[in-house]
Structure formats: structure tokens, C-alpha cells
Amino acid sequence: MSKLALAVHGGAWEIPAEAAAACRAGVGRALARGWEVLERGGAAVEACEQAVLVLEDDPMFDAGVGSHLNRDGCVQLDAILMDGRTLKAGAVAAVERLRNPIHVARLVLERSEHMLLVGPGAEQFAVEMGVSLCNPSELVIAREVERWYQEKHKASAGPPLRARSAGTVGAVALDAAGNLAAATSTGGTGCKYPGRVGDSCLIGCGCYADNRAGAVSATGYGEHIMKVVLAKTVSDLVGAGAEPQAAAEKALATLGERTEGMGGLIVIDKSGRVGAAFTTPNMACAFRTSDSSEAVVRL
């Protein structure tokens, strides 16, 4: 039986002191949910889905309920789930009526010949798979409305501002069968252009999993992450023999050197070794392996 391993993150950003405890608790709950799946012999893809479901339902993070609003004051969500055994991914982008886009991403992964569905088409697929659509207003919370008004006011006084990216979520897992999986979910950047899709749901950018190397979930400003195909870069480094922590740090250094961007990521290799790194002020993350009886939560 393979060593078990699971890591989750709640985004790499400048976490306010008053939000630290809630972020720490949130990733801890997500880790516990995903670990339950692995401990009972469940698949890595299920563990990642369940961990991200917890984070999508937590308004502290920029995924699902509580996501940033776009330029028009709407929530548009992106999510991806990738299976390292088959290299197939399932993803949705720019959806407005899916409370848990990671669940629909899993349905795309397992029940569609496609790998990425967007907007109304993704929502139509969800309905055909038996998923109920939500009212878009259910995803909006007062904190994000206030932030949206502040950003709109600032933007009206000069060039448009790119809001701070906060709270994209993700998970990576290794199950008892030796299979790896990765997942990432986000509401994207605040005041983004309607229809904008970032790195999170793009295979190789915000997420990648390969049984021959590792599983990666990244977070940060998508337009920078896409330039260096960050998640695939980390996976390739691990596949070439680098330890997960070293691979994570090297890839983020490349991100900074080539794009001046900042970000964070979590990675697990095929042996169950865990890496986590960030170049932003903070990143909420938690991990556990079958070698450690206690979950480790970092902020």
C-alpha cells in the first residue's frame, strides 16, 4: 500500500491579522475532510474534491461563496480537478450559478469526453448531470460588495486597478493505490473583466497531476502564472528528481524572475513527500501524511 499524503491551501496573499485564525481553521477543516477519504481507502480525486468543497463553502476564501466580484459586480467561478493516473482533467470556467464548481469539474472529469467547459455550457452540463443551479446572489457576501465598491471608486479616479488576489483554494493528494490528484478553485481577481479566466482552471498552469512525478496546485495572479506554466514546471522538476520543496521554491523563483509575479503552491510527489512555498506575505496551507499522526497547519 502506498503512503498517504494530502495538502491543501487557501491562497497566497497578504492575510490580515484578524483573518489569520479563520484561514487557519478553514484549511484545517478541509484537510480533515480529505484525510477521512484517504484513510478509508478512497481515491485521491475524491479526497481533493471533498477538501475543496469545504473551502468553497467557507466565505473566508475566494472560491464558491464569498468570491471576489468582477467588474460588473458578479461572481464568476473557475475550478479544475486532475487525475494523475490518466492525465485527464475536468474543469469549468466563468460559471455564475454553480455553488460548488469543483463538484461539476469532477463530473466533467469522469463523465465527459471534454476537459474544460465554460459559462452557460458548463451550467447546462451540470443540470444534465443532476446538479441544481443556485441563484447567483447566494454566492455574494457583504464583505465583497464593500470591496467591490471601494475598487470601483478607486478605478473611477484613474487607470483601472487590479485588485489583490486573495484566497484561491486547492488540494493535492496521494492515495493508497499510489494515484495522485490535484484540484484548484477560485473566484478570480477582484473587479476582473467579465469572462476573464485565470490560471486556476487551466491544466498545467494552476493545477497538474502526473503519477510519474507529482501533483501541484498553484495560487497567485493568473496572468503571471500562465506565462511560466507554473504547475507543469513544478511537476517536471519533481519528475526529473528534485525534492518537492526544492521544486516549489525554484519554480516560484522563476515566476519572480521572468514575470515579477508572486504566488504560492503545494506539491506532493509519487513517494508522498510534501512541499509548500510562497513568495507573497502569507499562504494558508495544511498537510498530513501517513508518516505523521498530526496535521501540520501553516500560515
Protein backbone atom coordinates (compact mmCIF):
# COMPACT_ATOMS: atom_id res chain seq x y z
CA MET A 1 0.00 0.00 0.00
CA SER A 2 1.23 3.45 -0.90
CA LYS A 3 1.96 6.11 1.67
CA LEU A 4 -0.95 8.52 2.10
CA ALA A 5 -0.45 12.25 1.72
CA LEU A 6 -2.69 15.29 1.49
CA ALA A 7 -2.06 19.03 1.33
CA VAL A 8 -4.50 21.93 1.00
CA HIS A 9 -4.12 25.67 0.59
CA GLY A 10 -6.37 28.70 0.93
CA GLY A 11 -4.47 31.10 -1.28
CA ALA A 12 -1.22 33.05 -1.21
CA TRP A 13 -1.85 36.68 -0.33
CA GLU A 14 -1.45 39.28 2.39
CA ILE A 15 -3.69 37.77 5.04
CA PRO A 16 -4.88 40.40 7.57
CA ALA A 17 -4.11 39.56 11.19
CA GLU A 18 -7.82 39.48 12.03
CA ALA A 19 -8.41 36.83 9.35
CA ALA A 20 -5.50 34.53 10.21
CA ALA A 21 -7.33 32.34 12.71
CA ALA A 22 -10.28 31.82 10.37
CA CYS A 23 -7.99 30.95 7.45
CA ARG A 24 -6.05 28.50 9.60
CA ALA A 25 -9.24 26.87 10.83
CA GLY A 26 -10.63 26.68 7.29
CA VAL A 27 -7.67 24.81 5.80
CA GLY A 28 -7.64 22.57 8.87
CA ARG A 29 -11.27 21.56 8.26
CA ALA A 30 -10.57 20.93 4.59
CA LEU A 31 -7.59 18.76 5.45
CA ALA A 32 -9.67 16.71 7.91
CA ARG A 33 -12.41 16.13 5.29
CA GLY A 34 -9.96 14.99 2.64
CA TRP A 35 -7.99 12.84 5.06
CA GLU A 36 -11.13 10.94 6.02
CA VAL A 37 -11.47 9.92 2.37
CA LEU A 38 -7.88 8.70 2.09
CA GLU A 39 -7.97 6.89 5.43
CA ARG A 40 -10.96 4.78 4.39
CA GLY A 41 -9.22 3.82 1.15
CA GLY A 42 -10.84 6.46 -1.06
CA ALA A 43 -9.31 7.81 -4.25
CA ALA A 44 -7.08 10.87 -4.43
CA VAL A 45 -9.53 12.60 -6.79
CA GLU A 46 -12.30 12.24 -4.20
CA ALA A 47 -10.05 13.47 -1.39
CA CYS A 48 -9.17 16.59 -3.39
CA GLU A 49 -12.80 17.22 -4.31
CA GLN A 50 -14.00 16.89 -0.73
CA ALA A 51 -11.26 19.13 0.65
CA VAL A 52 -12.01 21.84 -1.90
CA LEU A 53 -15.77 21.56 -1.27
CA VAL A 54 -15.11 22.61 2.32
CA LEU A 55 -13.13 25.63 1.17
CA GLU A 56 -15.72 26.63 -1.46
CA ASP A 57 -18.36 26.66 1.26
CA ASP A 58 -16.19 28.81 3.57
CA PRO A 59 -16.75 32.54 2.84
CA MET A 60 -13.25 33.32 4.11
CA PHE A 61 -11.76 32.21 0.80
CA ASP A 62 -12.00 33.40 -2.82
CA ALA A 63 -13.83 30.32 -4.09
CA GLY A 64 -17.54 29.50 -4.14
CA VAL A 65 -19.42 31.56 -1.56
CA GLY A 66 -17.55 34.76 -0.73
CA SER A 67 -15.65 35.06 -4.01
CA HIS A 68 -14.47 38.39 -5.37
CA LEU A 69 -16.87 40.24 -7.65
CA ASN A 70 -15.96 41.06 -11.23
CA ARG A 71 -16.17 44.49 -12.86
CA ASP A 72 -19.94 44.16 -13.21
CA GLY A 73 -20.47 43.08 -9.61
CA CYS A 74 -20.98 39.38 -10.39
CA VAL A 75 -19.28 36.23 -9.14
CA GLN A 76 -17.72 34.10 -11.89
CA LEU A 77 -16.04 30.89 -10.78
CA ASP A 78 -13.34 28.59 -12.19
CA ALA A 79 -12.32 25.11 -10.96
CA ILE A 80 -10.33 22.07 -12.07
CA LEU A 81 -9.71 18.51 -10.88
CA MET A 82 -6.96 16.38 -12.46
CA ASP A 83 -6.28 12.65 -12.21
CA GLY A 84 -2.57 11.79 -12.23
CA ARG A 85 -3.24 8.21 -13.32
CA THR A 86 -4.84 9.13 -16.66
CA LEU A 87 -3.65 12.73 -17.10
CA LYS A 88 -7.28 13.66 -17.72
CA ALA A 89 -8.68 16.80 -16.14
CA GLY A 90 -12.17 18.15 -15.71
CA ALA A 91 -12.64 21.90 -15.47
CA VAL A 92 -15.26 24.64 -15.58
CA ALA A 93 -14.76 28.36 -16.07
CA ALA A 94 -16.73 31.61 -15.81
CA VAL A 95 -19.73 29.94 -14.20
CA GLU A 96 -22.18 32.01 -12.18
CA ARG A 97 -24.80 29.54 -10.94
CA LEU A 98 -22.72 26.68 -9.51
CA ARG A 99 -22.33 26.80 -5.74
CA ASN A 100 -19.60 24.15 -5.87
CA PRO A 101 -17.79 24.25 -9.21
CA ILE A 102 -15.27 21.63 -8.06
CA HIS A 103 -18.07 19.05 -7.97
CA VAL A 104 -19.01 19.82 -11.57
CA ALA A 105 -15.31 19.70 -12.51
CA ARG A 106 -15.26 16.14 -11.21
CA LEU A 107 -18.31 15.31 -13.32
CA VAL A 108 -16.54 16.71 -16.39
CA LEU A 109 -13.51 14.59 -15.48
CA GLU A 110 -15.45 11.37 -15.10
CA ARG A 111 -18.50 11.72 -17.33
CA SER A 112 -17.50 13.89 -20.28
CA GLU A 113 -15.12 13.40 -23.18
CA HIS A 114 -14.12 17.05 -22.79
CA MET A 115 -11.75 18.61 -20.28
CA LEU A 116 -12.96 22.23 -19.99
CA LEU A 117 -16.49 23.63 -20.21
CA VAL A 118 -17.27 27.32 -19.78
CA GLY A 119 -20.13 29.66 -18.89
CA PRO A 120 -23.69 28.63 -19.77
CA GLY A 121 -22.45 25.44 -21.43
CA ALA A 122 -20.84 24.28 -18.20
CA GLU A 123 -24.01 25.10 -16.29
CA GLN A 124 -26.12 23.21 -18.84
CA PHE A 125 -23.84 20.18 -18.43
CA ALA A 126 -24.26 20.42 -14.65
CA VAL A 127 -28.05 20.36 -14.96
CA GLU A 128 -27.89 17.35 -17.27
CA MET A 129 -25.77 15.60 -14.63
CA GLY A 130 -28.42 16.29 -11.97
CA VAL A 131 -26.80 19.29 -10.28
CA SER A 132 -29.13 22.07 -9.13
CA LEU A 133 -28.19 25.61 -10.11
CA CYS A 134 -28.09 28.29 -7.44
CA ASN A 135 -29.18 31.90 -7.58
CA PRO A 136 -26.03 33.96 -8.29
CA SER A 137 -26.90 36.16 -5.30
CA GLU A 138 -26.25 33.20 -2.99
CA LEU A 139 -22.54 33.48 -3.77
CA VAL A 140 -22.29 37.20 -2.89
CA ILE A 141 -21.45 38.36 0.63
CA ALA A 142 -21.39 41.85 2.16
CA ARG A 143 -17.58 41.96 2.55
CA GLU A 144 -17.07 41.50 -1.18
CA VAL A 145 -19.75 44.04 -2.10
CA GLU A 146 -17.96 46.60 0.05
CA ARG A 147 -14.60 45.71 -1.51
CA TRP A 148 -16.14 45.99 -4.98
CA TYR A 149 -17.49 49.47 -4.26
CA GLN A 150 -14.09 50.56 -2.94
CA GLU A 151 -12.28 49.26 -6.01
CA LYS A 152 -14.81 50.82 -8.39
CA HIS A 153 -14.38 54.17 -6.64
CA LYS A 154 -10.61 53.98 -6.90
CA ALA A 155 -10.79 52.96 -10.53
CA SER A 156 -13.00 55.92 -11.39
CA ALA A 157 -10.27 58.28 -10.22
CA GLY A 158 -7.64 56.95 -12.65
CA PRO A 159 -6.48 53.85 -14.55
CA PRO A 160 -8.28 50.61 -13.61
CA LEU A 161 -6.77 48.88 -10.59
CA ARG A 162 -6.05 45.18 -10.33
CA ALA A 163 -7.47 44.05 -7.01
CA ARG A 164 -5.34 41.99 -4.68
CA SER A 165 -5.80 38.29 -5.40
CA ALA A 166 -6.88 36.59 -2.22
CA GLY A 167 -7.90 33.15 -1.20
CA THR A 168 -7.83 30.85 -4.26
CA VAL A 169 -8.03 27.30 -2.86
CA GLY A 170 -6.57 23.95 -3.78
CA ALA A 171 -5.65 20.43 -2.75
CA VAL A 172 -3.21 17.69 -3.78
CA ALA A 173 -3.35 14.05 -2.68
CA LEU A 174 -1.70 10.63 -2.91
CA ASP A 175 -3.95 7.65 -2.19
CA ALA A 176 -3.33 4.08 -1.06
CA ALA A 177 -3.27 2.84 -4.66
CA GLY A 178 -0.41 5.22 -5.45
CA ASN A 179 -2.51 7.59 -7.54
CA LEU A 180 -2.03 11.35 -7.42
CA ALA A 181 -4.64 14.07 -7.95
CA ALA A 182 -4.81 17.85 -7.77
CA ALA A 183 -7.59 20.43 -7.61
CA THR A 184 -7.85 24.22 -7.70
CA SER A 185 -10.89 26.51 -7.37
CA THR A 186 -11.23 30.28 -7.45
CA GLY A 187 -13.41 33.33 -7.89
CA GLY A 188 -10.51 35.08 -9.61
CA THR A 189 -9.25 38.60 -9.08
CA GLY A 190 -11.48 41.39 -7.84
CA CYS A 191 -13.02 43.67 -10.48
CA LYS A 192 -11.76 41.38 -13.26
CA TYR A 193 -13.18 41.87 -16.76
CA PRO A 194 -16.36 39.80 -17.24
CA GLY A 195 -15.43 36.48 -18.82
CA ARG A 196 -11.80 36.66 -17.68
CA VAL A 197 -10.34 33.23 -16.96
CA GLY A 198 -7.11 32.95 -14.99
CA ASP A 199 -4.64 30.18 -14.39
CA SER A 200 -6.58 28.20 -11.80
CA CYS A 201 -8.66 26.04 -14.15
CA LEU A 202 -6.02 25.69 -16.87
CA ILE A 203 -4.20 22.37 -16.97
CA GLY A 204 -0.50 22.88 -16.28
CA CYS A 205 -0.92 26.43 -15.02
CA GLY A 206 -2.89 26.43 -11.77
CA CYS A 207 -3.10 22.65 -11.47
CA TYR A 208 -1.33 19.50 -12.63
CA ALA A 209 -1.09 15.85 -11.57
CA ASP A 210 1.04 13.05 -13.00
CA ASN A 211 1.57 9.70 -11.27
CA ARG A 212 5.11 9.63 -12.65
CA ALA A 213 6.04 12.89 -10.96
CA GLY A 214 3.79 14.87 -8.62
CA ALA A 215 0.56 16.76 -8.01
CA VAL A 216 0.53 20.56 -7.83
CA SER A 217 -1.98 23.30 -7.02
CA ALA A 218 -0.89 26.90 -7.50
CA THR A 219 -2.23 30.27 -6.43
CA GLY A 220 -1.40 33.86 -7.33
CA TYR A 221 -2.01 36.32 -10.16
CA GLY A 222 -3.05 34.15 -13.07
CA GLU A 223 -1.69 36.26 -15.92
CA HIS A 224 1.80 35.76 -14.49
CA ILE A 225 1.37 32.09 -13.61
CA MET A 226 0.18 31.25 -17.12
CA LYS A 227 3.35 32.70 -18.64
CA VAL A 228 5.57 30.09 -16.97
CA VAL A 229 3.02 27.22 -16.90
CA LEU A 230 3.77 27.05 -13.19
CA ALA A 231 2.17 23.78 -12.09
CA LYS A 232 3.64 21.78 -15.00
CA THR A 233 7.02 23.38 -14.36
CA VAL A 234 6.96 22.09 -10.79
CA SER A 235 5.80 18.64 -11.89
CA ASP A 236 8.60 18.43 -14.45
CA LEU A 237 11.20 19.39 -11.85
CA VAL A 238 9.90 16.71 -9.49
CA GLY A 239 9.84 14.18 -12.32
CA ALA A 240 13.48 14.97 -13.03
CA GLY A 241 14.41 14.11 -9.44
CA ALA A 242 14.01 17.33 -7.47
CA GLU A 243 12.52 17.13 -3.99
CA PRO A 244 9.06 18.74 -3.80
CA GLN A 245 10.16 21.62 -1.59
CA ALA A 246 13.13 22.47 -3.79
CA ALA A 247 10.99 22.23 -6.92
CA ALA A 248 8.37 24.55 -5.45
CA GLU A 249 10.95 27.15 -4.47
CA LYS A 250 12.75 27.00 -7.83
CA ALA A 251 9.53 27.38 -9.82
CA LEU A 252 8.43 30.38 -7.77
CA ALA A 253 11.87 31.93 -8.21
CA THR A 254 11.43 31.54 -11.97
CA LEU A 255 7.98 33.14 -11.71
CA GLY A 256 9.51 36.14 -9.98
CA GLU A 257 12.47 36.42 -12.32
CA ARG A 258 10.55 36.10 -15.58
CA THR A 259 7.31 37.89 -14.72
CA GLU A 260 7.93 39.78 -11.47
CA GLY A 261 4.88 37.91 -10.19
CA MET A 262 4.30 36.41 -6.76
CA GLY A 263 2.41 33.31 -5.79
CA GLY A 264 2.35 30.10 -3.86
CA LEU A 265 1.89 26.38 -4.40
CA ILE A 266 1.61 23.00 -2.77
CA VAL A 267 3.06 19.79 -4.21
CA ILE A 268 3.14 16.08 -3.36
CA ASP A 269 5.41 13.65 -5.23
CA LYS A 270 4.76 10.00 -6.05
CA SER A 271 6.57 8.98 -2.84
CA GLY A 272 4.30 11.10 -0.66
CA ARG A 273 6.79 13.86 0.09
CA VAL A 274 5.19 17.29 0.54
CA GLY A 275 6.37 20.74 -0.49
CA ALA A 276 4.79 24.15 0.11
CA ALA A 277 6.22 27.54 -0.81
CA PHE A 278 5.08 31.12 -1.38
CA THR A 279 6.56 34.48 -2.29
CA THR A 280 3.57 36.52 -1.09
CA PRO A 281 3.39 37.71 2.54
CA ASN A 282 1.32 34.67 3.62
CA MET A 283 -0.25 31.44 2.42
CA ALA A 284 -2.75 29.42 4.43
CA CYS A 285 -1.91 25.74 3.99
CA ALA A 286 -2.11 22.43 5.83
CA PHE A 287 -0.76 18.95 5.17
CA ARG A 288 -0.68 15.46 6.58
CA THR A 289 1.00 12.19 5.61
CA SER A 290 0.76 8.65 6.94
CA ASP A 291 4.21 9.25 8.47
CA SER A 292 2.77 11.99 10.70
CA SER A 293 -0.14 11.37 13.05
CA GLU A 294 -0.85 15.09 13.44
CA ALA A 295 -1.92 17.58 10.79
CA VAL A 296 0.50 20.45 10.25
CA VAL A 297 -1.13 23.83 9.63
CA ARG A 298 0.96 26.80 8.48
CA LEU A 299 0.14 30.41 7.83
